[in-house]
C-alpha atoms as a PDB file:
ATOM      1  CA  UNK A   1      50.456 128.986  40.815  1.00  0.00           C
ATOM      2  CA  UNK A   2      49.052 132.428  41.289  1.00  0.00           C
ATOM      3  CA  UNK A   3      46.594 134.156  39.031  1.00  0.00           C
ATOM      4  CA  UNK A   4      48.267 136.094  36.245  1.00  0.00           C
ATOM      5  CA  UNK A   5      51.362 133.894  36.084  1.00  0.00           C
ATOM      6  CA  UNK A   6      52.022 131.936  32.897  1.00  0.00           C
ATOM      7  CA  UNK A   7      52.073 128.117  33.111  1.00  0.00           C
ATOM      8  CA  UNK A   8      55.457 126.558  32.966  1.00  0.00           C
ATOM      9  CA  UNK A   9      56.725 126.153  29.406  1.00  0.00           C
ATOM     10  CA  UNK A  10      56.319 122.737  27.894  1.00  0.00           C
ATOM     11  CA  UNK A  11      59.366 121.046  26.487  1.00  0.00           C
ATOM     12  CA  UNK A  12      59.998 121.991  22.906  1.00  0.00           C
ATOM     13  CA  UNK A  13      59.981 119.349  20.208  1.00  0.00           C
ATOM     14  CA  UNK A  14      63.223 118.794  18.390  1.00  0.00           C
ATOM     15  CA  UNK A  15      63.503 121.081  15.314  1.00  0.00           C
ATOM     16  CA  UNK A  16      62.769 118.371  12.690  1.00  0.00           C
ATOM     17  CA  UNK A  17      59.665 117.143  14.472  1.00  0.00           C
ATOM     18  CA  UNK A  18      58.532 120.738  14.911  1.00  0.00           C
ATOM     19  CA  UNK A  19      59.074 121.368  11.213  1.00  0.00           C
ATOM     20  CA  UNK A  20      57.104 118.284  10.240  1.00  0.00           C
ATOM     21  CA  UNK A  21      54.351 119.241  12.571  1.00  0.00           C
ATOM     22  CA  UNK A  22      54.185 122.678  10.902  1.00  0.00           C
ATOM     23  CA  UNK A  23      54.025 121.059   7.484  1.00  0.00           C
ATOM     24  CA  UNK A  24      51.042 118.930   8.563  1.00  0.00           C
ATOM     25  CA  UNK A  25      49.290 121.912   9.974  1.00  0.00           C
ATOM     26  CA  UNK A  26      49.969 123.847   6.781  1.00  0.00           C
ATOM     27  CA  UNK A  27      48.415 120.979   4.656  1.00  0.00           C
ATOM     28  CA  UNK A  28      45.417 120.817   7.014  1.00  0.00           C
ATOM     29  CA  UNK A  29      44.778 124.525   6.784  1.00  0.00           C
ATOM     30  CA  UNK A  30      45.226 124.491   2.936  1.00  0.00           C
ATOM     31  CA  UNK A  31      42.568 121.750   2.804  1.00  0.00           C
ATOM     32  CA  UNK A  32      40.258 123.889   5.023  1.00  0.00           C
ATOM     33  CA  UNK A  33      40.874 126.949   2.815  1.00  0.00           C
ATOM     34  CA  UNK A  34      40.146 124.949  -0.279  1.00  0.00           C
ATOM     35  CA  UNK A  35      36.910 123.572   1.212  1.00  0.00           C
ATOM     36  CA  UNK A  36      35.800 127.070   2.363  1.00  0.00           C
ATOM     37  CA  UNK A  37      36.480 128.406  -1.102  1.00  0.00           C
ATOM     38  CA  UNK A  38      34.399 125.623  -2.677  1.00  0.00           C
ATOM     39  CA  UNK A  39      31.487 126.225  -0.217  1.00  0.00           C
ATOM     40  CA  UNK A  40      31.672 129.894  -0.864  1.00  0.00           C
ATOM     41  CA  UNK A  41      31.512 129.444  -4.591  1.00  0.00           C
ATOM     42  CA  UNK A  42      28.446 127.215  -4.248  1.00  0.00           C
ATOM     43  CA  UNK A  43      26.758 129.694  -1.950  1.00  0.00           C
ATOM     44  CA  UNK A  44      27.480 132.562  -4.389  1.00  0.00           C
ATOM     45  CA  UNK A  45      26.129 130.495  -7.316  1.00  0.00           C
ATOM     46  CA  UNK A  46      22.958 129.719  -5.292  1.00  0.00           C
ATOM     47  CA  UNK A  47      22.671 133.327  -4.235  1.00  0.00           C
ATOM     48  CA  UNK A  48      22.910 134.598  -7.856  1.00  0.00           C
ATOM     49  CA  UNK A  49      20.316 131.955  -8.979  1.00  0.00           C
ATOM     50  CA  UNK A  50      17.921 133.099  -6.314  1.00  0.00           C
ATOM     51  CA  UNK A  51      18.365 136.858  -7.277  1.00  0.00           C
ATOM     52  CA  UNK A  52      17.707 136.048 -10.944  1.00  0.00           C
ATOM     53  CA  UNK A  53      14.559 134.101  -9.978  1.00  0.00           C
ATOM     54  CA  UNK A  54      13.384 136.951  -7.713  1.00  0.00           C
ATOM     55  CA  UNK A  55      13.864 139.456 -10.553  1.00  0.00           C
ATOM     56  CA  UNK A  56      11.854 137.236 -12.867  1.00  0.00           C
ATOM     57  CA  UNK A  57       9.016 136.745 -10.397  1.00  0.00           C
ATOM     58  CA  UNK A  58       8.802 140.297  -9.207  1.00  0.00           C
ATOM     59  CA  UNK A  59       6.423 141.486 -11.904  1.00  0.00           C
ATOM     60  CA  UNK A  60       4.098 138.631 -11.196  1.00  0.00           C
ATOM     61  CA  UNK A  61       3.632 139.760  -7.633  1.00  0.00           C
ATOM     62  CA  UNK A  62       3.278 143.502  -8.352  1.00  0.00           C
ATOM     63  CA  UNK A  63       6.836 144.553  -8.026  1.00  0.00           C
ATOM     64  CA  UNK A  64       9.153 145.955 -10.722  1.00  0.00           C
ATOM     65  CA  UNK A  65      12.328 144.115 -11.595  1.00  0.00           C
ATOM     66  CA  UNK A  66      14.546 146.978 -10.284  1.00  0.00           C
ATOM     67  CA  UNK A  67      12.889 146.599  -6.965  1.00  0.00           C
ATOM     68  CA  UNK A  68      14.907 143.395  -6.601  1.00  0.00           C
ATOM     69  CA  UNK A  69      18.385 144.964  -6.782  1.00  0.00           C
ATOM     70  CA  UNK A  70      21.666 143.179  -6.581  1.00  0.00           C
ATOM     71  CA  UNK A  71      23.604 144.157  -3.375  1.00  0.00           C
ATOM     72  CA  UNK A  72      26.713 144.926  -5.395  1.00  0.00           C
ATOM     73  CA  UNK A  73      27.351 145.578  -9.047  1.00  0.00           C
ATOM     74  CA  UNK A  74      26.650 142.201 -10.739  1.00  0.00           C
ATOM     75  CA  UNK A  75      29.543 142.822 -13.111  1.00  0.00           C
ATOM     76  CA  UNK A  76      31.946 142.777 -10.178  1.00  0.00           C
ATOM     77  CA  UNK A  77      31.299 139.028  -9.833  1.00  0.00           C
ATOM     78  CA  UNK A  78      31.582 136.755  -6.840  1.00  0.00           C
ATOM     79  CA  UNK A  79      34.692 138.509  -5.559  1.00  0.00           C
ATOM     80  CA  UNK A  80      32.542 141.626  -4.588  1.00  0.00           C
ATOM     81  CA  UNK A  81      30.336 139.399  -2.410  1.00  0.00           C
ATOM     82  CA  UNK A  82      33.385 138.074  -0.661  1.00  0.00           C
ATOM     83  CA  UNK A  83      34.675 141.536  -0.109  1.00  0.00           C
ATOM     84  CA  UNK A  84      31.368 142.984   1.138  1.00  0.00           C
ATOM     85  CA  UNK A  85      29.877 139.863   2.848  1.00  0.00           C
ATOM     86  CA  UNK A  86      30.116 141.229   6.354  1.00  0.00           C
ATOM     87  CA  UNK A  87      27.639 142.576   8.904  1.00  0.00           C
ATOM     88  CA  UNK A  88      26.717 145.545   6.645  1.00  0.00           C
ATOM     89  CA  UNK A  89      25.869 143.141   3.801  1.00  0.00           C
ATOM     90  CA  UNK A  90      23.655 140.995   6.006  1.00  0.00           C
ATOM     91  CA  UNK A  91      21.947 144.016   7.503  1.00  0.00           C
ATOM     92  CA  UNK A  92      21.471 145.435   3.959  1.00  0.00           C
ATOM     93  CA  UNK A  93      19.969 142.246   2.823  1.00  0.00           C
ATOM     94  CA  UNK A  94      17.567 142.062   5.735  1.00  0.00           C
ATOM     95  CA  UNK A  95      16.481 145.616   5.114  1.00  0.00           C
ATOM     96  CA  UNK A  96      15.962 144.961   1.384  1.00  0.00           C
ATOM     97  CA  UNK A  97      13.944 141.863   2.120  1.00  0.00           C
ATOM     98  CA  UNK A  98      11.808 143.675   4.650  1.00  0.00           C
ATOM     99  CA  UNK A  99      11.144 146.524   2.198  1.00  0.00           C
ATOM    100  CA  UNK A 100      10.176 144.013  -0.589  1.00  0.00           C
ATOM    101  CA  UNK A 101       7.837 142.229   1.824  1.00  0.00           C
ATOM    102  CA  UNK A 102       6.099 145.524   2.629  1.00  0.00           C
ATOM    103  CA  UNK A 103       5.806 146.481  -1.053  1.00  0.00           C
ATOM    104  CA  UNK A 104       4.139 143.258  -1.899  1.00  0.00           C
ATOM    105  CA  UNK A 105       0.336 143.276  -2.309  1.00  0.00           C
END
């Protein structure tokens, strides 16, 4: 075989076997999606709890409650975190945390 050539095709499964295999894959992926959603919901719940705690503790360390801002509008709910939880979100969180650490006495 030379570089750049495709390997020889493998024999195709008969259609019913192929269909059953796709059904098994679909079920496996549905389980993975459900597990990811559950882990995401748990992480968002913990994230919201930590934000509320930070806002309550801010005045005790010389910061104002508004200094500890939510990265999205809290009324948007968890869906906003899913939508905006990307590299910009992480960078923004790192910047906010650095700023808060510098503001602390």
